[in-house]
Amino acid sequence: MSILKADHITIRFGGLTAVSDFYLNLEEGELVGLIGP
């Protein structure tokens, strides 16, 4: 069972695309670390 879903996430800073078409699916009981700027 998914407890968190994120789909088609894009992050832009001016003309720079930092993240393009990001997908995350967190299932119950999973431990996930996300490190970024």
N, C-alpha and C. Protein backbone atom coordinates (compact mmCIF):
# COMPACT_ATOMS: atom_id res chain seq x y z
N MET A 1 0.84 -1.18 0.00
CA MET A 1 0.00 0.00 0.00
C MET A 1 0.89 1.25 0.00
N SER A 2 0.68 2.12 -0.95
CA SER A 2 1.45 3.37 -1.04
C SER A 2 0.93 4.37 -0.01
N ILE A 3 1.88 5.03 0.69
CA ILE A 3 1.48 6.08 1.63
C ILE A 3 1.85 7.46 1.12
N LEU A 4 2.73 7.51 0.09
CA LEU A 4 3.10 8.79 -0.52
C LEU A 4 3.45 8.55 -1.98
N LYS A 5 2.84 9.33 -2.87
CA LYS A 5 3.16 9.26 -4.29
C LYS A 5 3.39 10.67 -4.81
N ALA A 6 4.43 10.83 -5.62
CA ALA A 6 4.70 12.09 -6.32
C ALA A 6 5.08 11.71 -7.74
N ASP A 7 4.50 12.35 -8.72
CA ASP A 7 4.70 11.96 -10.11
C ASP A 7 4.81 13.20 -10.99
N HIS A 8 5.71 13.14 -11.96
CA HIS A 8 5.91 14.21 -12.95
C HIS A 8 6.29 15.55 -12.30
N ILE A 9 7.20 15.51 -11.32
CA ILE A 9 7.65 16.73 -10.65
C ILE A 9 8.84 17.32 -11.40
N THR A 10 8.75 18.58 -11.76
CA THR A 10 9.84 19.30 -12.42
C THR A 10 10.10 20.58 -11.65
N ILE A 11 11.38 20.86 -11.39
CA ILE A 11 11.77 22.07 -10.67
C ILE A 11 12.73 22.87 -11.54
N ARG A 12 12.40 24.14 -11.75
CA ARG A 12 13.23 25.02 -12.57
C ARG A 12 13.64 26.25 -11.78
N PHE A 13 14.85 26.71 -12.01
CA PHE A 13 15.37 27.95 -11.43
C PHE A 13 15.79 28.82 -12.60
N GLY A 14 14.95 29.77 -12.97
CA GLY A 14 15.24 30.57 -14.15
C GLY A 14 15.26 29.67 -15.38
N GLY A 15 16.38 29.66 -16.11
CA GLY A 15 16.50 28.82 -17.29
C GLY A 15 17.09 27.45 -17.01
N LEU A 16 17.40 27.14 -15.75
CA LEU A 16 18.02 25.87 -15.37
C LEU A 16 16.96 24.90 -14.86
N THR A 17 16.91 23.71 -15.46
CA THR A 17 16.03 22.66 -14.96
C THR A 17 16.83 21.80 -14.00
N ALA A 18 16.50 21.86 -12.71
CA ALA A 18 17.23 21.12 -11.68
C ALA A 18 16.71 19.69 -11.55
N VAL A 19 15.40 19.50 -11.70
CA VAL A 19 14.77 18.18 -11.60
C VAL A 19 13.76 18.08 -12.73
N SER A 20 13.80 16.96 -13.45
CA SER A 20 12.89 16.79 -14.57
C SER A 20 12.16 15.45 -14.47
N ASP A 21 10.84 15.50 -14.39
CA ASP A 21 9.97 14.32 -14.39
C ASP A 21 10.32 13.34 -13.26
N PHE A 22 10.41 13.86 -12.04
CA PHE A 22 10.74 13.06 -10.85
C PHE A 22 9.53 12.23 -10.44
N TYR A 23 9.80 10.99 -10.00
CA TYR A 23 8.74 10.09 -9.54
C TYR A 23 9.16 9.47 -8.21
N LEU A 24 8.26 9.43 -7.25
CA LEU A 24 8.51 8.82 -5.95
C LEU A 24 7.28 8.04 -5.53
N ASN A 25 7.50 6.81 -5.07
CA ASN A 25 6.42 5.98 -4.56
C ASN A 25 6.91 5.36 -3.26
N LEU A 26 6.39 5.80 -2.13
CA LEU A 26 6.81 5.32 -0.83
C LEU A 26 5.78 4.34 -0.30
N GLU A 27 6.22 3.12 -0.05
CA GLU A 27 5.34 2.07 0.46
C GLU A 27 5.38 2.05 1.98
N GLU A 28 4.34 1.54 2.59
CA GLU A 28 4.27 1.43 4.04
C GLU A 28 5.42 0.56 4.55
N GLY A 29 6.14 1.05 5.56
CA GLY A 29 7.25 0.31 6.14
C GLY A 29 8.61 0.61 5.53
N GLU A 30 8.66 1.36 4.42
CA GLU A 30 9.93 1.71 3.79
C GLU A 30 10.56 2.90 4.50
N LEU A 31 11.87 2.92 4.50
CA LEU A 31 12.64 4.04 5.04
C LEU A 31 13.45 4.61 3.90
N VAL A 32 13.23 5.89 3.58
CA VAL A 32 13.86 6.52 2.42
C VAL A 32 14.55 7.80 2.86
N GLY A 33 15.76 8.01 2.37
CA GLY A 33 16.47 9.27 2.59
C GLY A 33 16.63 9.98 1.26
N LEU A 34 16.29 11.24 1.21
CA LEU A 34 16.40 12.04 -0.01
C LEU A 34 17.32 13.21 0.29
N ILE A 35 18.45 13.25 -0.39
CA ILE A 35 19.46 14.28 -0.15
C ILE A 35 19.57 15.16 -1.39
N GLY A 36 19.56 16.44 -1.19
CA GLY A 36 19.67 17.35 -2.32
C GLY A 36 20.22 18.69 -1.88
N PRO A 37 20.36 19.57 -2.84
CA PRO A 37 20.90 20.90 -2.52
C PRO A 37 19.95 21.72 -1.66
